[in-house]
Amino acid sequence: MSAKRSRVPSAQQVRVLEHLLKTPAYGYDMMKDLDLGPGTLYGLLKRLHEDGYLEKDAEIIEGRCRISYTLTVKGKHYAERALIEHEYEEGIKAMEGGV
């Protein structure tokens, strides 16, 4: 069995996690709100779901299947940690830049 890879959250992933901490959302709405392309967004959502950080809920709205994404308890902890790490890294970059 291989060890699970450790991944530092990307800036896009941090934006998605921050958005989902506020409210569950549909993928299409997140694409518009976060200005992310479908390949980027749905790739992130797929990995977050596979890692147990997201729940998906499908429903039919106006004849179309819409999937809502919600953070799990594990996902909320991961998102909060990712935001703290992101803020820390941004602070380090600012200090190195002489700001």
PDB file of N, CA and C in Angstrom:
ATOM      1  N   MET A   1       0.849  -1.174   0.000  1.00  0.00           N
ATOM      2  CA  MET A   1       0.000   0.000   0.000  1.00  0.00           C
ATOM      3  C   MET A   1       0.899   1.244   0.000  1.00  0.00           C
ATOM      4  N   SER A   2       0.604   2.179  -0.887  1.00  0.00           N
ATOM      5  CA  SER A   2       1.426   3.378  -0.961  1.00  0.00           C
ATOM      6  C   SER A   2       0.934   4.426   0.044  1.00  0.00           C
ATOM      7  N   ALA A   3       1.856   5.276   0.459  1.00  0.00           N
ATOM      8  CA  ALA A   3       1.506   6.337   1.400  1.00  0.00           C
ATOM      9  C   ALA A   3       0.697   7.402   0.670  1.00  0.00           C
ATOM     10  N   LYS A   4      -0.234   7.998   1.377  1.00  0.00           N
ATOM     11  CA  LYS A   4      -1.046   9.055   0.795  1.00  0.00           C
ATOM     12  C   LYS A   4      -0.177  10.292   0.593  1.00  0.00           C
ATOM     13  N   ARG A   5      -0.313  10.887  -0.574  1.00  0.00           N
ATOM     14  CA  ARG A   5       0.511  12.063  -0.866  1.00  0.00           C
ATOM     15  C   ARG A   5       0.047  13.265  -0.042  1.00  0.00           C
ATOM     16  N   SER A   6       1.009  14.045   0.367  1.00  0.00           N
ATOM     17  CA  SER A   6       0.706  15.265   1.094  1.00  0.00           C
ATOM     18  C   SER A   6       0.765  16.405   0.095  1.00  0.00           C
ATOM     19  N   ARG A   7      -0.229  17.222   0.107  1.00  0.00           N
ATOM     20  CA  ARG A   7      -0.305  18.282  -0.886  1.00  0.00           C
ATOM     21  C   ARG A   7      -0.584  19.610  -0.204  1.00  0.00           C
ATOM     22  N   VAL A   8       0.233  20.591  -0.495  1.00  0.00           N
ATOM     23  CA  VAL A   8      -0.023  21.939  -0.017  1.00  0.00           C
ATOM     24  C   VAL A   8      -1.148  22.493  -0.886  1.00  0.00           C
ATOM     25  N   PRO A   9      -2.204  23.023  -0.280  1.00  0.00           N
ATOM     26  CA  PRO A   9      -3.318  23.524  -1.081  1.00  0.00           C
ATOM     27  C   PRO A   9      -2.887  24.652  -2.013  1.00  0.00           C
ATOM     28  N   SER A  10      -3.342  24.575  -3.260  1.00  0.00           N
ATOM     29  CA  SER A  10      -3.055  25.625  -4.237  1.00  0.00           C
ATOM     30  C   SER A  10      -3.911  26.851  -3.922  1.00  0.00           C
ATOM     31  N   ALA A  11      -3.579  27.965  -4.560  1.00  0.00           N
ATOM     32  CA  ALA A  11      -4.355  29.192  -4.359  1.00  0.00           C
ATOM     33  C   ALA A  11      -5.807  28.977  -4.785  1.00  0.00           C
ATOM     34  N   GLN A  12      -6.015  28.240  -5.890  1.00  0.00           N
ATOM     35  CA  GLN A  12      -7.373  27.976  -6.354  1.00  0.00           C
ATOM     36  C   GLN A  12      -8.124  27.102  -5.343  1.00  0.00           C
ATOM     37  N   GLN A  13      -7.440  26.100  -4.799  1.00  0.00           N
ATOM     38  CA  GLN A  13      -8.078  25.223  -3.828  1.00  0.00           C
ATOM     39  C   GLN A  13      -8.456  26.016  -2.575  1.00  0.00           C
ATOM     40  N   VAL A  14      -7.602  26.914  -2.158  1.00  0.00           N
ATOM     41  CA  VAL A  14      -7.893  27.746  -0.983  1.00  0.00           C
ATOM     42  C   VAL A  14      -9.141  28.592  -1.252  1.00  0.00           C
ATOM     43  N   ARG A  15      -9.260  29.139  -2.464  1.00  0.00           N
ATOM     44  CA  ARG A  15     -10.435  29.952  -2.809  1.00  0.00           C
ATOM     45  C   ARG A  15     -11.716  29.119  -2.756  1.00  0.00           C
ATOM     46  N   VAL A  16     -11.653  27.886  -3.281  1.00  0.00           N
ATOM     47  CA  VAL A  16     -12.817  26.996  -3.268  1.00  0.00           C
ATOM     48  C   VAL A  16     -13.183  26.641  -1.828  1.00  0.00           C
ATOM     49  N   LEU A  17     -12.192  26.284  -1.031  1.00  0.00           N
ATOM     50  CA  LEU A  17     -12.446  25.918   0.362  1.00  0.00           C
ATOM     51  C   LEU A  17     -13.036  27.096   1.145  1.00  0.00           C
ATOM     52  N   GLU A  18     -12.499  28.274   0.932  1.00  0.00           N
ATOM     53  CA  GLU A  18     -13.002  29.463   1.618  1.00  0.00           C
ATOM     54  C   GLU A  18     -14.463  29.708   1.243  1.00  0.00           C
ATOM     55  N   HIS A  19     -14.774  29.544  -0.037  1.00  0.00           N
ATOM     56  CA  HIS A  19     -16.144  29.721  -0.518  1.00  0.00           C
ATOM     57  C   HIS A  19     -17.084  28.707   0.149  1.00  0.00           C
ATOM     58  N   LEU A  20     -16.656  27.445   0.207  1.00  0.00           N
ATOM     59  CA  LEU A  20     -17.495  26.386   0.769  1.00  0.00           C
ATOM     60  C   LEU A  20     -17.618  26.479   2.290  1.00  0.00           C
ATOM     61  N   LEU A  21     -16.660  27.128   2.952  1.00  0.00           N
ATOM     62  CA  LEU A  21     -16.794  27.354   4.398  1.00  0.00           C
ATOM     63  C   LEU A  21     -17.978  28.273   4.683  1.00  0.00           C
ATOM     64  N   LYS A  22     -18.261  29.182   3.753  1.00  0.00           N
ATOM     65  CA  LYS A  22     -19.353  30.135   3.938  1.00  0.00           C
ATOM     66  C   LYS A  22     -20.714  29.512   3.667  1.00  0.00           C
ATOM     67  N   THR A  23     -20.786  28.674   2.610  1.00  0.00           N
ATOM     68  CA  THR A  23     -22.070  28.109   2.216  1.00  0.00           C
ATOM     69  C   THR A  23     -21.883  26.952   1.243  1.00  0.00           C
ATOM     70  N   PRO A  24     -22.770  25.973   1.269  1.00  0.00           N
ATOM     71  CA  PRO A  24     -22.735  24.954   0.218  1.00  0.00           C
ATOM     72  C   PRO A  24     -22.977  25.638  -1.132  1.00  0.00           C
ATOM     73  N   ALA A  25     -22.501  25.041  -2.205  1.00  0.00           N
ATOM     74  CA  ALA A  25     -22.636  25.706  -3.507  1.00  0.00           C
ATOM     75  C   ALA A  25     -22.698  24.699  -4.636  1.00  0.00           C
ATOM     76  N   TYR A  26     -23.270  25.146  -5.739  1.00  0.00           N
ATOM     77  CA  TYR A  26     -23.269  24.383  -6.973  1.00  0.00           C
ATOM     78  C   TYR A  26     -21.991  24.697  -7.735  1.00  0.00           C
ATOM     79  N   GLY A  27     -21.506  23.725  -8.500  1.00  0.00           N
ATOM     80  CA  GLY A  27     -20.285  23.920  -9.264  1.00  0.00           C
ATOM     81  C   GLY A  27     -20.351  25.112 -10.200  1.00  0.00           C
ATOM     82  N   TYR A  28     -21.454  25.238 -10.942  1.00  0.00           N
ATOM     83  CA  TYR A  28     -21.572  26.339 -11.899  1.00  0.00           C
ATOM     84  C   TYR A  28     -21.494  27.695 -11.200  1.00  0.00           C
ATOM     85  N   ASP A  29     -22.141  27.802 -10.045  1.00  0.00           N
ATOM     86  CA  ASP A  29     -22.099  29.061  -9.298  1.00  0.00           C
ATOM     87  C   ASP A  29     -20.680  29.368  -8.821  1.00  0.00           C
ATOM     88  N   MET A  30     -19.953  28.320  -8.386  1.00  0.00           N
ATOM     89  CA  MET A  30     -18.570  28.540  -7.954  1.00  0.00           C
ATOM     90  C   MET A  30     -17.701  28.975  -9.133  1.00  0.00           C
ATOM     91  N   MET A  31     -17.937  28.397 -10.322  1.00  0.00           N
ATOM     92  CA  MET A  31     -17.157  28.811 -11.496  1.00  0.00           C
ATOM     93  C   MET A  31     -17.327  30.306 -11.733  1.00  0.00           C
ATOM     94  N   LYS A  32     -18.575  30.790 -11.649  1.00  0.00           N
ATOM     95  CA  LYS A  32     -18.838  32.212 -11.865  1.00  0.00           C
ATOM     96  C   LYS A  32     -18.261  33.065 -10.740  1.00  0.00           C
ATOM     97  N   ASP A  33     -18.543  32.673  -9.491  1.00  0.00           N
ATOM     98  CA  ASP A  33     -18.117  33.477  -8.336  1.00  0.00           C
ATOM     99  C   ASP A  33     -16.601  33.557  -8.200  1.00  0.00           C
ATOM    100  N   LEU A  34     -15.916  32.456  -8.517  1.00  0.00           N
ATOM    101  CA  LEU A  34     -14.469  32.383  -8.307  1.00  0.00           C
ATOM    102  C   LEU A  34     -13.673  32.562  -9.591  1.00  0.00           C
ATOM    103  N   ASP A  35     -14.372  32.713 -10.710  1.00  0.00           N
ATOM    104  CA  ASP A  35     -13.724  32.887 -12.020  1.00  0.00           C
ATOM    105  C   ASP A  35     -12.729  31.759 -12.294  1.00  0.00           C
ATOM    106  N   LEU A  36     -13.211  30.524 -12.130  1.00  0.00           N
ATOM    107  CA  LEU A  36     -12.400  29.343 -12.402  1.00  0.00           C
ATOM    108  C   LEU A  36     -13.001  28.589 -13.576  1.00  0.00           C
ATOM    109  N   GLY A  37     -12.147  27.996 -14.385  1.00  0.00           N
ATOM    110  CA  GLY A  37     -12.615  27.180 -15.493  1.00  0.00           C
ATOM    111  C   GLY A  37     -13.136  25.851 -14.995  1.00  0.00           C
ATOM    112  N   PRO A  38     -13.952  25.176 -15.814  1.00  0.00           N
ATOM    113  CA  PRO A  38     -14.527  23.902 -15.377  1.00  0.00           C
ATOM    114  C   PRO A  38     -13.484  22.828 -15.095  1.00  0.00           C
ATOM    115  N   GLY A  39     -12.422  22.765 -15.882  1.00  0.00           N
ATOM    116  CA  GLY A  39     -11.389  21.758 -15.649  1.00  0.00           C
ATOM    117  C   GLY A  39     -10.704  21.938 -14.310  1.00  0.00           C
ATOM    118  N   THR A  40     -10.405  23.180 -13.980  1.00  0.00           N
ATOM    119  CA  THR A  40      -9.763  23.484 -12.699  1.00  0.00           C
ATOM    120  C   THR A  40     -10.711  23.189 -11.539  1.00  0.00           C
ATOM    121  N   LEU A  41     -11.924  23.742 -11.617  1.00  0.00           N
ATOM    122  CA  LEU A  41     -12.863  23.596 -10.510  1.00  0.00           C
ATOM    123  C   LEU A  41     -13.270  22.148 -10.284  1.00  0.00           C
ATOM    124  N   TYR A  42     -13.710  21.468 -11.336  1.00  0.00           N
ATOM    125  CA  TYR A  42     -14.217  20.114 -11.136  1.00  0.00           C
ATOM    126  C   TYR A  42     -13.101  19.131 -10.792  1.00  0.00           C
ATOM    127  N   GLY A  43     -11.883  19.409 -11.234  1.00  0.00           N
ATOM    128  CA  GLY A  43     -10.743  18.596 -10.805  1.00  0.00           C
ATOM    129  C   GLY A  43     -10.508  18.740  -9.310  1.00  0.00           C
ATOM    130  N   LEU A  44     -10.570  19.977  -8.815  1.00  0.00           N
ATOM    131  CA  LEU A  44     -10.416  20.224  -7.372  1.00  0.00           C
ATOM    132  C   LEU A  44     -11.544  19.574  -6.582  1.00  0.00           C
ATOM    133  N   LEU A  45     -12.774  19.742  -7.050  1.00  0.00           N
ATOM    134  CA  LEU A  45     -13.915  19.160  -6.347  1.00  0.00           C
ATOM    135  C   LEU A  45     -13.830  17.645  -6.316  1.00  0.00           C
ATOM    136  N   LYS A  46     -13.395  17.052  -7.407  1.00  0.00           N
ATOM    137  CA  LYS A  46     -13.265  15.588  -7.462  1.00  0.00           C
ATOM    138  C   LYS A  46     -12.247  15.106  -6.423  1.00  0.00           C
ATOM    139  N   ARG A  47     -11.073  15.760  -6.354  1.00  0.00           N
ATOM    140  CA  ARG A  47     -10.052  15.360  -5.382  1.00  0.00           C
ATOM    141  C   ARG A  47     -10.532  15.576  -3.952  1.00  0.00           C
ATOM    142  N   LEU A  48     -11.190  16.697  -3.696  1.00  0.00           N
ATOM    143  CA  LEU A  48     -11.697  16.969  -2.346  1.00  0.00           C
ATOM    144  C   LEU A  48     -12.744  15.928  -1.939  1.00  0.00           C
ATOM    145  N   HIS A  49     -13.581  15.533  -2.888  1.00  0.00           N
ATOM    146  CA  HIS A  49     -14.595  14.512  -2.605  1.00  0.00           C
ATOM    147  C   HIS A  49     -13.939  13.153  -2.362  1.00  0.00           C
ATOM    148  N   GLU A  50     -12.985  12.790  -3.196  1.00  0.00           N
ATOM    149  CA  GLU A  50     -12.287  11.505  -3.033  1.00  0.00           C
ATOM    150  C   GLU A  50     -11.545  11.421  -1.704  1.00  0.00           C
ATOM    151  N   ASP A  51     -11.045  12.562  -1.221  1.00  0.00           N
ATOM    152  CA  ASP A  51     -10.310  12.594   0.041  1.00  0.00           C
ATOM    153  C   ASP A  51     -11.235  12.694   1.261  1.00  0.00           C
ATOM    154  N   GLY A  52     -12.546  12.740   1.020  1.00  0.00           N
ATOM    155  CA  GLY A  52     -13.508  12.765   2.122  1.00  0.00           C
ATOM    156  C   GLY A  52     -13.793  14.143   2.687  1.00  0.00           C
ATOM    157  N   TYR A  53     -13.417  15.190   1.952  1.00  0.00           N
ATOM    158  CA  TYR A  53     -13.623  16.546   2.438  1.00  0.00           C
ATOM    159  C   TYR A  53     -14.951  17.149   1.980  1.00  0.00           C
ATOM    160  N   LEU A  54     -15.577  16.555   0.963  1.00  0.00           N
ATOM    161  CA  LEU A  54     -16.822  17.080   0.411  1.00  0.00           C
ATOM    162  C   LEU A  54     -17.891  16.010   0.342  1.00  0.00           C
ATOM    163  N   GLU A  55     -19.134  16.462   0.504  1.00  0.00           N
ATOM    164  CA  GLU A  55     -20.299  15.641   0.220  1.00  0.00           C
ATOM    165  C   GLU A  55     -20.969  16.242  -1.008  1.00  0.00           C
ATOM    166  N   LYS A  56     -21.529  15.379  -1.852  1.00  0.00           N
ATOM    167  CA  LYS A  56     -22.259  15.840  -3.028  1.00  0.00           C
ATOM    168  C   LYS A  56     -23.721  15.457  -2.861  1.00  0.00           C
ATOM    169  N   ASP A  57     -24.609  16.370  -3.236  1.00  0.00           N
ATOM    170  CA  ASP A  57     -26.040  16.110  -3.170  1.00  0.00           C
ATOM    171  C   ASP A  57     -26.650  16.509  -4.509  1.00  0.00           C
ATOM    172  N   ALA A  58     -27.190  15.534  -5.224  1.00  0.00           N
ATOM    173  CA  ALA A  58     -27.784  15.793  -6.537  1.00  0.00           C
ATOM    174  C   ALA A  58     -29.282  16.029  -6.396  1.00  0.00           C
ATOM    175  N   GLU A  59     -29.785  16.987  -7.158  1.00  0.00           N
ATOM    176  CA  GLU A  59     -31.213  17.247  -7.196  1.00  0.00           C
ATOM    177  C   GLU A  59     -31.590  17.723  -8.592  1.00  0.00           C
ATOM    178  N   ILE A  60     -32.851  17.531  -8.946  1.00  0.00           N
ATOM    179  CA  ILE A  60     -33.343  17.967 -10.249  1.00  0.00           C
ATOM    180  C   ILE A  60     -33.994  19.334 -10.077  1.00  0.00           C
ATOM    181  N   ILE A  61     -33.481  20.308 -10.808  1.00  0.00           N
ATOM    182  CA  ILE A  61     -34.016  21.671 -10.778  1.00  0.00           C
ATOM    183  C   ILE A  61     -34.304  22.068 -12.218  1.00  0.00           C
ATOM    184  N   GLU A  62     -35.567  22.401 -12.493  1.00  0.00           N
ATOM    185  CA  GLU A  62     -35.995  22.782 -13.837  1.00  0.00           C
ATOM    186  C   GLU A  62     -35.544  21.760 -14.877  1.00  0.00           C
ATOM    187  N   GLY A  63     -35.696  20.487 -14.528  1.00  0.00           N
ATOM    188  CA  GLY A  63     -35.374  19.412 -15.462  1.00  0.00           C
ATOM    189  C   GLY A  63     -33.893  19.088 -15.607  1.00  0.00           C
ATOM    190  N   ARG A  64     -33.039  19.747 -14.834  1.00  0.00           N
ATOM    191  CA  ARG A  64     -31.596  19.505 -14.919  1.00  0.00           C
ATOM    192  C   ARG A  64     -31.076  19.004 -13.586  1.00  0.00           C
ATOM    193  N   CYS A  65     -30.119  18.095 -13.665  1.00  0.00           N
ATOM    194  CA  CYS A  65     -29.492  17.591 -12.455  1.00  0.00           C
ATOM    195  C   CYS A  65     -28.447  18.596 -11.986  1.00  0.00           C
ATOM    196  N   ARG A  66     -28.611  19.083 -10.769  1.00  0.00           N
ATOM    197  CA  ARG A  66     -27.652  20.025 -10.179  1.00  0.00           C
ATOM    198  C   ARG A  66     -27.025  19.352  -8.971  1.00  0.00           C
ATOM    199  N   ILE A  67     -25.714  19.493  -8.836  1.00  0.00           N
ATOM    200  CA  ILE A  67     -25.000  18.896  -7.712  1.00  0.00           C
ATOM    201  C   ILE A  67     -24.513  20.000  -6.789  1.00  0.00           C
ATOM    202  N   SER A  68     -24.911  19.882  -5.532  1.00  0.00           N
ATOM    203  CA  SER A  68     -24.491  20.832  -4.510  1.00  0.00           C
ATOM    204  C   SER A  68     -23.338  20.208  -3.739  1.00  0.00           C
ATOM    205  N   TYR A  69     -22.327  21.021  -3.437  1.00  0.00           N
ATOM    206  CA  TYR A  69     -21.151  20.566  -2.704  1.00  0.00           C
ATOM    207  C   TYR A  69     -21.143  21.196  -1.319  1.00  0.00           C
ATOM    208  N   THR A  70     -20.917  20.351  -0.315  1.00  0.00           N
ATOM    209  CA  THR A  70     -20.879  20.783   1.081  1.00  0.00           C
ATOM    210  C   THR A  70     -19.644  20.174   1.744  1.00  0.00           C
ATOM    211  N   LEU A  71     -18.964  20.945   2.570  1.00  0.00           N
ATOM    212  CA  LEU A  71     -17.823  20.407   3.313  1.00  0.00           C
ATOM    213  C   LEU A  71     -18.297  19.434   4.384  1.00  0.00           C
ATOM    214  N   THR A  72     -17.585  18.337   4.542  1.00  0.00           N
ATOM    215  CA  THR A  72     -17.822  17.419   5.649  1.00  0.00           C
ATOM    216  C   THR A  72     -17.166  18.022   6.893  1.00  0.00           C
ATOM    217  N   VAL A  73     -17.351  17.402   8.041  1.00  0.00           N
ATOM    218  CA  VAL A  73     -16.672  17.869   9.255  1.00  0.00           C
ATOM    219  C   VAL A  73     -15.157  17.835   9.022  1.00  0.00           C
ATOM    220  N   LYS A  74     -14.686  16.723   8.467  1.00  0.00           N
ATOM    221  CA  LYS A  74     -13.260  16.599   8.133  1.00  0.00           C
ATOM    222  C   LYS A  74     -12.854  17.704   7.158  1.00  0.00           C
ATOM    223  N   GLY A  75     -13.722  18.012   6.200  1.00  0.00           N
ATOM    224  CA  GLY A  75     -13.447  19.055   5.214  1.00  0.00           C
ATOM    225  C   GLY A  75     -13.376  20.440   5.831  1.00  0.00           C
ATOM    226  N   LYS A  76     -14.228  20.694   6.820  1.00  0.00           N
ATOM    227  CA  LYS A  76     -14.200  22.001   7.498  1.00  0.00           C
ATOM    228  C   LYS A  76     -12.877  22.185   8.230  1.00  0.00           C
ATOM    229  N   HIS A  77     -12.421  21.142   8.902  1.00  0.00           N
ATOM    230  CA  HIS A  77     -11.130  21.226   9.590  1.00  0.00           C
ATOM    231  C   HIS A  77      -9.999  21.439   8.584  1.00  0.00           C
ATOM    232  N   TYR A  78     -10.052  20.698   7.483  1.00  0.00           N
ATOM    233  CA  TYR A  78      -9.032  20.835   6.442  1.00  0.00           C
ATOM    234  C   TYR A  78      -9.050  22.250   5.860  1.00  0.00           C
ATOM    235  N   ALA A  79     -10.240  22.776   5.586  1.00  0.00           N
ATOM    236  CA  ALA A  79     -10.362  24.109   5.000  1.00  0.00           C
ATOM    237  C   ALA A  79      -9.821  25.175   5.940  1.00  0.00           C
ATOM    238  N   GLU A  80     -10.168  25.077   7.211  1.00  0.00           N
ATOM    239  CA  GLU A  80      -9.683  26.063   8.179  1.00  0.00           C
ATOM    240  C   GLU A  80      -8.164  26.024   8.271  1.00  0.00           C
ATOM    241  N   ARG A  81      -7.600  24.813   8.294  1.00  0.00           N
ATOM    242  CA  ARG A  81      -6.140  24.674   8.349  1.00  0.00           C
ATOM    243  C   ARG A  81      -5.500  25.213   7.074  1.00  0.00           C
ATOM    244  N   ALA A  82      -6.106  24.941   5.929  1.00  0.00           N
ATOM    245  CA  ALA A  82      -5.568  25.402   4.646  1.00  0.00           C
ATOM    246  C   ALA A  82      -5.548  26.930   4.585  1.00  0.00           C
ATOM    247  N   LEU A  83      -6.594  27.566   5.106  1.00  0.00           N
ATOM    248  CA  LEU A  83      -6.644  29.034   5.098  1.00  0.00           C
ATOM    249  C   LEU A  83      -5.570  29.628   6.002  1.00  0.00           C
ATOM    250  N   ILE A  84      -5.365  29.012   7.163  1.00  0.00           N
ATOM    251  CA  ILE A  84      -4.314  29.487   8.075  1.00  0.00           C
ATOM    252  C   ILE A  84      -2.942  29.332   7.421  1.00  0.00           C
ATOM    253  N   GLU A  85      -2.696  28.172   6.820  1.00  0.00           N
ATOM    254  CA  GLU A  85      -1.414  27.942   6.144  1.00  0.00           C
ATOM    255  C   GLU A  85      -1.213  28.925   4.995  1.00  0.00           C
ATOM    256  N   HIS A  86      -2.282  29.194   4.248  1.00  0.00           N
ATOM    257  CA  HIS A  86      -2.192  30.128   3.124  1.00  0.00           C
ATOM    258  C   HIS A  86      -1.850  31.546   3.622  1.00  0.00           C
ATOM    259  N   GLU A  87      -2.524  31.974   4.674  1.00  0.00           N
ATOM    260  CA  GLU A  87      -2.237  33.300   5.243  1.00  0.00           C
ATOM    261  C   GLU A  87      -0.800  33.376   5.743  1.00  0.00           C
ATOM    262  N   TYR A  88      -0.324  32.308   6.366  1.00  0.00           N
ATOM    263  CA  TYR A  88       1.051  32.259   6.850  1.00  0.00           C
ATOM    264  C   TYR A  88       2.029  32.388   5.686  1.00  0.00           C
ATOM    265  N   GLU A  89       1.810  31.603   4.627  1.00  0.00           N
ATOM    266  CA  GLU A  89       2.693  31.644   3.461  1.00  0.00           C
ATOM    267  C   GLU A  89       2.679  33.023   2.800  1.00  0.00           C
ATOM    268  N   GLU A  90       1.506  33.636   2.725  1.00  0.00           N
ATOM    269  CA  GLU A  90       1.420  34.981   2.148  1.00  0.00           C
ATOM    270  C   GLU A  90       2.176  35.987   3.004  1.00  0.00           C
ATOM    271  N   GLY A  91       2.117  35.836   4.331  1.00  0.00           N
ATOM    272  CA  GLY A  91       2.866  36.715   5.230  1.00  0.00           C
ATOM    273  C   GLY A  91       4.364  36.554   5.054  1.00  0.00           C
ATOM    274  N   ILE A  92       4.830  35.319   4.892  1.00  0.00           N
ATOM    275  CA  ILE A  92       6.256  35.062   4.660  1.00  0.00           C
ATOM    276  C   ILE A  92       6.693  35.710   3.352  1.00  0.00           C
ATOM    277  N   LYS A  93       5.891  35.546   2.304  1.00  0.00           N
ATOM    278  CA  LYS A  93       6.225  36.149   1.006  1.00  0.00           C
ATOM    279  C   LYS A  93       6.322  37.660   1.118  1.00  0.00           C
ATOM    280  N   ALA A  94       5.394  38.257   1.864  1.00  0.00           N
ATOM    281  CA  ALA A  94       5.396  39.709   2.034  1.00  0.00           C
ATOM    282  C   ALA A  94       6.637  40.160   2.785  1.00  0.00           C
ATOM    283  N   MET A  95       7.042  39.406   3.803  1.00  0.00           N
ATOM    284  CA  MET A  95       8.233  39.754   4.568  1.00  0.00           C
ATOM    285  C   MET A  95       9.482  39.634   3.702  1.00  0.00           C
ATOM    286  N   GLU A  96       9.532  38.593   2.891  1.00  0.00           N
ATOM    287  CA  GLU A  96      10.695  38.405   2.016  1.00  0.00           C
ATOM    288  C   GLU A  96      10.775  39.469   0.957  1.00  0.00           C
ATOM    289  N   GLY A  97       9.620  40.005   0.586  1.00  0.00           N
ATOM    290  CA  GLY A  97       9.574  41.057  -0.423  1.00  0.00           C
ATOM    291  C   GLY A  97       9.877  42.425   0.147  1.00  0.00           C
ATOM    292  N   GLY A  98      10.094  42.488   1.462  1.00  0.00           N
ATOM    293  CA  GLY A  98      10.431  43.761   2.092  1.00  0.00           C
ATOM    294  C   GLY A  98       9.241  44.638   2.388  1.00  0.00           C
ATOM    295  N   VAL A  99       8.052  44.055   2.341  1.00  0.00           N
ATOM    296  CA  VAL A  99       6.837  44.843   2.573  1.00  0.00           C
ATOM    297  C   VAL A  99       6.620  45.021   4.042  1.00  0.00           C
TER     298      VAL A  99
END
